[in-house]
C-alpha cells in the first residue's frame, strides 16, 4: 500500500519509522518546520531527517495550503497516517486518499480529544492511558475507531 505520513517530533518520527519497517511503500512525509520553542524541542526527533535518510520525499508545512495539497496529490497515497500533526485538516485533505486518513491520537478516545491529551489524563488522575487509531472526519478526534 502507498502511504503518506503527517507527523512531527518524536511521535511522527516513530510512526514513520514503523511504516518504513513495514511492507508498505512510504511515498511522502509531511512535517512541520523545526521550532525554537522549548516545549517542541523536548521530543524533537526529526521526521524530515528520517525520511531523507530513506529516500522519502519531504514536504515542510505549517498548514494544509495549496503547496501541501499539491504534494499530497502528486504522491497519490492509498492512505495517510497522521501522528502529532498540529493543524486542522479540511475534508478535501483527509478524504483525498483512497482509504482516507488514519490518525494516531494519544488518548483512549472519546476522552481527551485535542492537544496534550496524555498530560490532561495524568492531571486528572486517570489510571489507564493509551492510544487510539481512528479515521479522520470533520469533528476533532471523533472519526470511526479502527
C-alpha atoms as a PDB file:
ATOM      1  CA  UNK A   1       0.000   0.000   0.000  1.00  0.00           C
ATOM      2  CA  UNK A   2       1.211   3.533  -0.784  1.00  0.00           C
ATOM      3  CA  UNK A   3       1.361   5.522   2.466  1.00  0.00           C
ATOM      4  CA  UNK A   4       1.940   9.208   3.185  1.00  0.00           C
ATOM      5  CA  UNK A   5       2.606  10.447   6.707  1.00  0.00           C
ATOM      6  CA  UNK A   6       1.739  13.643   8.511  1.00  0.00           C
ATOM      7  CA  UNK A   7       3.836  13.861  11.627  1.00  0.00           C
ATOM      8  CA  UNK A   8       6.022  15.948  13.861  1.00  0.00           C
ATOM      9  CA  UNK A   9       8.581  15.447  16.608  1.00  0.00           C
ATOM     10  CA  UNK A  10       9.304  12.053  18.159  1.00  0.00           C
ATOM     11  CA  UNK A  11       5.733  10.784  17.723  1.00  0.00           C
ATOM     12  CA  UNK A  12       5.758  11.430  13.989  1.00  0.00           C
ATOM     13  CA  UNK A  13       9.324  10.086  13.733  1.00  0.00           C
ATOM     14  CA  UNK A  14       8.379   6.791  15.415  1.00  0.00           C
ATOM     15  CA  UNK A  15       5.302   6.423  13.235  1.00  0.00           C
ATOM     16  CA  UNK A  16       7.375   6.990  10.108  1.00  0.00           C
ATOM     17  CA  UNK A  17       9.999   4.502  11.356  1.00  0.00           C
ATOM     18  CA  UNK A  18       7.329   1.835  11.872  1.00  0.00           C
ATOM     19  CA  UNK A  19       5.951   2.434   8.384  1.00  0.00           C
ATOM     20  CA  UNK A  20       9.438   2.246   6.868  1.00  0.00           C
ATOM     21  CA  UNK A  21       9.920  -1.126   8.589  1.00  0.00           C
ATOM     22  CA  UNK A  22       6.583  -2.407   7.247  1.00  0.00           C
ATOM     23  CA  UNK A  23       5.781  -3.901   3.854  1.00  0.00           C
ATOM     24  CA  UNK A  24       4.202  -0.615   2.741  1.00  0.00           C
ATOM     25  CA  UNK A  25       5.688   1.968   0.381  1.00  0.00           C
ATOM     26  CA  UNK A  26       6.107   5.340   2.093  1.00  0.00           C
ATOM     27  CA  UNK A  27       5.638   7.881  -0.709  1.00  0.00           C
ATOM     28  CA  UNK A  28       5.685  11.193   1.210  1.00  0.00           C
ATOM     29  CA  UNK A  29       6.406  12.602   4.666  1.00  0.00           C
ATOM     30  CA  UNK A  30       4.798  15.933   5.529  1.00  0.00           C
ATOM     31  CA  UNK A  31       6.060  17.594   8.684  1.00  0.00           C
ATOM     32  CA  UNK A  32       6.180  20.965  10.405  1.00  0.00           C
ATOM     33  CA  UNK A  33       9.294  23.169  10.329  1.00  0.00           C
ATOM     34  CA  UNK A  34      11.725  22.854  13.236  1.00  0.00           C
ATOM     35  CA  UNK A  35      10.827  25.081  16.155  1.00  0.00           C
ATOM     36  CA  UNK A  36      12.829  27.091  18.675  1.00  0.00           C
ATOM     37  CA  UNK A  37      10.043  26.681  21.245  1.00  0.00           C
ATOM     38  CA  UNK A  38      11.331  24.842  24.339  1.00  0.00           C
ATOM     39  CA  UNK A  39       8.311  22.501  24.536  1.00  0.00           C
ATOM     40  CA  UNK A  40       8.733  21.443  20.916  1.00  0.00           C
ATOM     41  CA  UNK A  41      12.450  20.734  21.389  1.00  0.00           C
ATOM     42  CA  UNK A  42      11.846  18.221  24.199  1.00  0.00           C
ATOM     43  CA  UNK A  43      10.911  15.329  21.883  1.00  0.00           C
ATOM     44  CA  UNK A  44      12.387  16.644  18.669  1.00  0.00           C
ATOM     45  CA  UNK A  45      13.393  13.586  16.634  1.00  0.00           C
ATOM     46  CA  UNK A  46      13.202  14.838  13.057  1.00  0.00           C
ATOM     47  CA  UNK A  47      10.651  13.358  10.671  1.00  0.00           C
ATOM     48  CA  UNK A  48      12.336  15.195   7.786  1.00  0.00           C
ATOM     49  CA  UNK A  49      15.789  13.793   8.572  1.00  0.00           C
ATOM     50  CA  UNK A  50      14.493  10.218   8.859  1.00  0.00           C
ATOM     51  CA  UNK A  51      12.529  10.493   5.613  1.00  0.00           C
ATOM     52  CA  UNK A  52      15.524  11.949   3.774  1.00  0.00           C
ATOM     53  CA  UNK A  53      17.778   9.141   5.059  1.00  0.00           C
ATOM     54  CA  UNK A  54      15.369   6.642   3.475  1.00  0.00           C
ATOM     55  CA  UNK A  55      14.813   8.486   0.201  1.00  0.00           C
ATOM     56  CA  UNK A  56      11.250   9.517   1.056  1.00  0.00           C
ATOM     57  CA  UNK A  57      10.182  12.898  -0.353  1.00  0.00           C
ATOM     58  CA  UNK A  58       9.589  15.520   2.350  1.00  0.00           C
ATOM     59  CA  UNK A  59       7.223  18.485   2.366  1.00  0.00           C
ATOM     60  CA  UNK A  60       7.529  21.062   5.176  1.00  0.00           C
ATOM     61  CA  UNK A  61       4.295  22.874   6.040  1.00  0.00           C
ATOM     62  CA  UNK A  62       2.625  24.740   8.867  1.00  0.00           C
ATOM     63  CA  UNK A  63      -0.871  24.213   7.473  1.00  0.00           C
ATOM     64  CA  UNK A  64      -2.612  22.417   4.595  1.00  0.00           C
ATOM     65  CA  UNK A  65      -2.131  25.144   1.977  1.00  0.00           C
ATOM     66  CA  UNK A  66      -2.140  24.705  -1.812  1.00  0.00           C
ATOM     67  CA  UNK A  67       1.502  23.510  -1.904  1.00  0.00           C
ATOM     68  CA  UNK A  68       0.689  20.906   0.773  1.00  0.00           C
ATOM     69  CA  UNK A  69      -2.324  19.701  -1.218  1.00  0.00           C
ATOM     70  CA  UNK A  70      -0.305  19.552  -4.451  1.00  0.00           C
ATOM     71  CA  UNK A  71       2.444  17.474  -2.801  1.00  0.00           C
ATOM     72  CA  UNK A  72      -0.146  15.071  -1.408  1.00  0.00           C
ATOM     73  CA  UNK A  73      -1.929  14.788  -4.749  1.00  0.00           C
ATOM     74  CA  UNK A  74       1.335  14.131  -6.585  1.00  0.00           C
ATOM     75  CA  UNK A  75       2.320  11.396  -4.086  1.00  0.00           C
ATOM     76  CA  UNK A  76      -1.052   9.691  -4.690  1.00  0.00           C
ATOM     77  CA  UNK A  77      -1.147   7.676  -1.444  1.00  0.00           C
ATOM     78  CA  UNK A  78      -3.711   4.962  -0.740  1.00  0.00           C
ATOM     79  CA  UNK A  79      -3.840   6.130   2.876  1.00  0.00           C
ATOM     80  CA  UNK A  80      -2.382   8.888   5.051  1.00  0.00           C
ATOM     81  CA  UNK A  81      -1.228   8.093   8.585  1.00  0.00           C
ATOM     82  CA  UNK A  82      -1.091  11.098  10.928  1.00  0.00           C
ATOM     83  CA  UNK A  83       0.574  11.338  14.333  1.00  0.00           C
ATOM     84  CA  UNK A  84       1.205  14.622  16.125  1.00  0.00           C
ATOM     85  CA  UNK A  85       0.026  16.740  13.219  1.00  0.00           C
ATOM     86  CA  UNK A  86      -0.619  20.151  14.763  1.00  0.00           C
ATOM     87  CA  UNK A  87      -3.180  21.830  12.492  1.00  0.00           C
ATOM     88  CA  UNK A  88      -6.747  21.191  11.403  1.00  0.00           C
ATOM     89  CA  UNK A  89      -7.163  19.261   8.150  1.00  0.00           C
ATOM     90  CA  UNK A  90     -10.040  20.078   5.802  1.00  0.00           C
ATOM     91  CA  UNK A  91     -12.186  17.344   4.252  1.00  0.00           C
ATOM     92  CA  UNK A  92     -10.510  17.639   0.844  1.00  0.00           C
ATOM     93  CA  UNK A  93      -7.233  16.620   2.519  1.00  0.00           C
ATOM     94  CA  UNK A  94      -8.316  13.808   4.860  1.00  0.00           C
ATOM     95  CA  UNK A  95     -10.672  12.296   2.277  1.00  0.00           C
ATOM     96  CA  UNK A  96      -8.259  12.514  -0.679  1.00  0.00           C
ATOM     97  CA  UNK A  97      -6.516   9.121  -0.235  1.00  0.00           C
ATOM     98  CA  UNK A  98      -8.472   6.051  -1.362  1.00  0.00           C
ATOM     99  CA  UNK A  99      -8.748   4.742   2.226  1.00  0.00           C
ATOM    100  CA  UNK A 100      -8.853   8.115   3.982  1.00  0.00           C
ATOM    101  CA  UNK A 101      -6.602   9.372   6.771  1.00  0.00           C
ATOM    102  CA  UNK A 102      -5.815   7.370   9.886  1.00  0.00           C
ATOM    103  CA  UNK A 103      -4.972   9.475  12.930  1.00  0.00           C
ATOM    104  CA  UNK A 104      -2.984   8.085  15.855  1.00  0.00           C
ATOM    105  CA  UNK A 105      -4.210  10.022  18.901  1.00  0.00           C
ATOM    106  CA  UNK A 106      -2.548   9.689  22.298  1.00  0.00           C
ATOM    107  CA  UNK A 107      -5.638   9.114  24.412  1.00  0.00           C
ATOM    108  CA  UNK A 108      -8.321   6.497  24.777  1.00  0.00           C
ATOM    109  CA  UNK A 109     -10.942   8.257  22.704  1.00  0.00           C
ATOM    110  CA  UNK A 110     -13.545   9.598  23.113  1.00  0.00           C
ATOM    111  CA  UNK A 111     -11.856  11.012  26.232  1.00  0.00           C
ATOM    112  CA  UNK A 112      -9.255  13.763  25.903  1.00  0.00           C
ATOM    113  CA  UNK A 113      -9.617  14.993  22.367  1.00  0.00           C
ATOM    114  CA  UNK A 114      -7.373  17.793  21.159  1.00  0.00           C
ATOM    115  CA  UNK A 115      -3.946  18.979  22.272  1.00  0.00           C
ATOM    116  CA  UNK A 116      -1.884  17.334  25.069  1.00  0.00           C
ATOM    117  CA  UNK A 117      -4.346  14.552  25.926  1.00  0.00           C
ATOM    118  CA  UNK A 118      -1.805  12.494  27.865  1.00  0.00           C
ATOM    119  CA  UNK A 119      -0.945  15.459  30.067  1.00  0.00           C
ATOM    120  CA  UNK A 120      -4.642  16.091  30.788  1.00  0.00           C
ATOM    121  CA  UNK A 121      -5.228  12.410  31.582  1.00  0.00           C
ATOM    122  CA  UNK A 122      -2.369  12.480  34.098  1.00  0.00           C
ATOM    123  CA  UNK A 123      -3.543  15.777  35.620  1.00  0.00           C
ATOM    124  CA  UNK A 124      -6.993  14.225  36.056  1.00  0.00           C
ATOM    125  CA  UNK A 125      -5.572  11.134  37.763  1.00  0.00           C
ATOM    126  CA  UNK A 126      -6.512   8.592  35.107  1.00  0.00           C
ATOM    127  CA  UNK A 127      -5.243   5.116  35.972  1.00  0.00           C
ATOM    128  CA  UNK A 128      -5.184   3.985  32.351  1.00  0.00           C
ATOM    129  CA  UNK A 129      -3.906   5.802  29.271  1.00  0.00           C
ATOM    130  CA  UNK A 130      -3.332   4.654  25.721  1.00  0.00           C
ATOM    131  CA  UNK A 131      -3.549   5.361  22.007  1.00  0.00           C
ATOM    132  CA  UNK A 132      -6.453   5.317  19.601  1.00  0.00           C
ATOM    133  CA  UNK A 133      -6.314   4.894  15.836  1.00  0.00           C
ATOM    134  CA  UNK A 134      -9.304   6.468  14.137  1.00  0.00           C
ATOM    135  CA  UNK A 135     -10.297   7.630  10.690  1.00  0.00           C
ATOM    136  CA  UNK A 136     -10.353  11.404  10.446  1.00  0.00           C
ATOM    137  CA  UNK A 137     -13.574  13.252   9.808  1.00  0.00           C
ATOM    138  CA  UNK A 138     -14.724  16.849  10.226  1.00  0.00           C
ATOM    139  CA  UNK A 139     -15.047  16.549  14.006  1.00  0.00           C
ATOM    140  CA  UNK A 140     -11.854  16.765  16.068  1.00  0.00           C
ATOM    141  CA  UNK A 141     -10.645  13.298  17.125  1.00  0.00           C
ATOM    142  CA  UNK A 142     -14.106  11.808  16.628  1.00  0.00           C
ATOM    143  CA  UNK A 143     -13.908   9.637  13.497  1.00  0.00           C
ATOM    144  CA  UNK A 144     -14.553   5.902  13.430  1.00  0.00           C
ATOM    145  CA  UNK A 145     -12.155   3.983  15.674  1.00  0.00           C
ATOM    146  CA  UNK A 146     -10.402   1.139  13.862  1.00  0.00           C
END
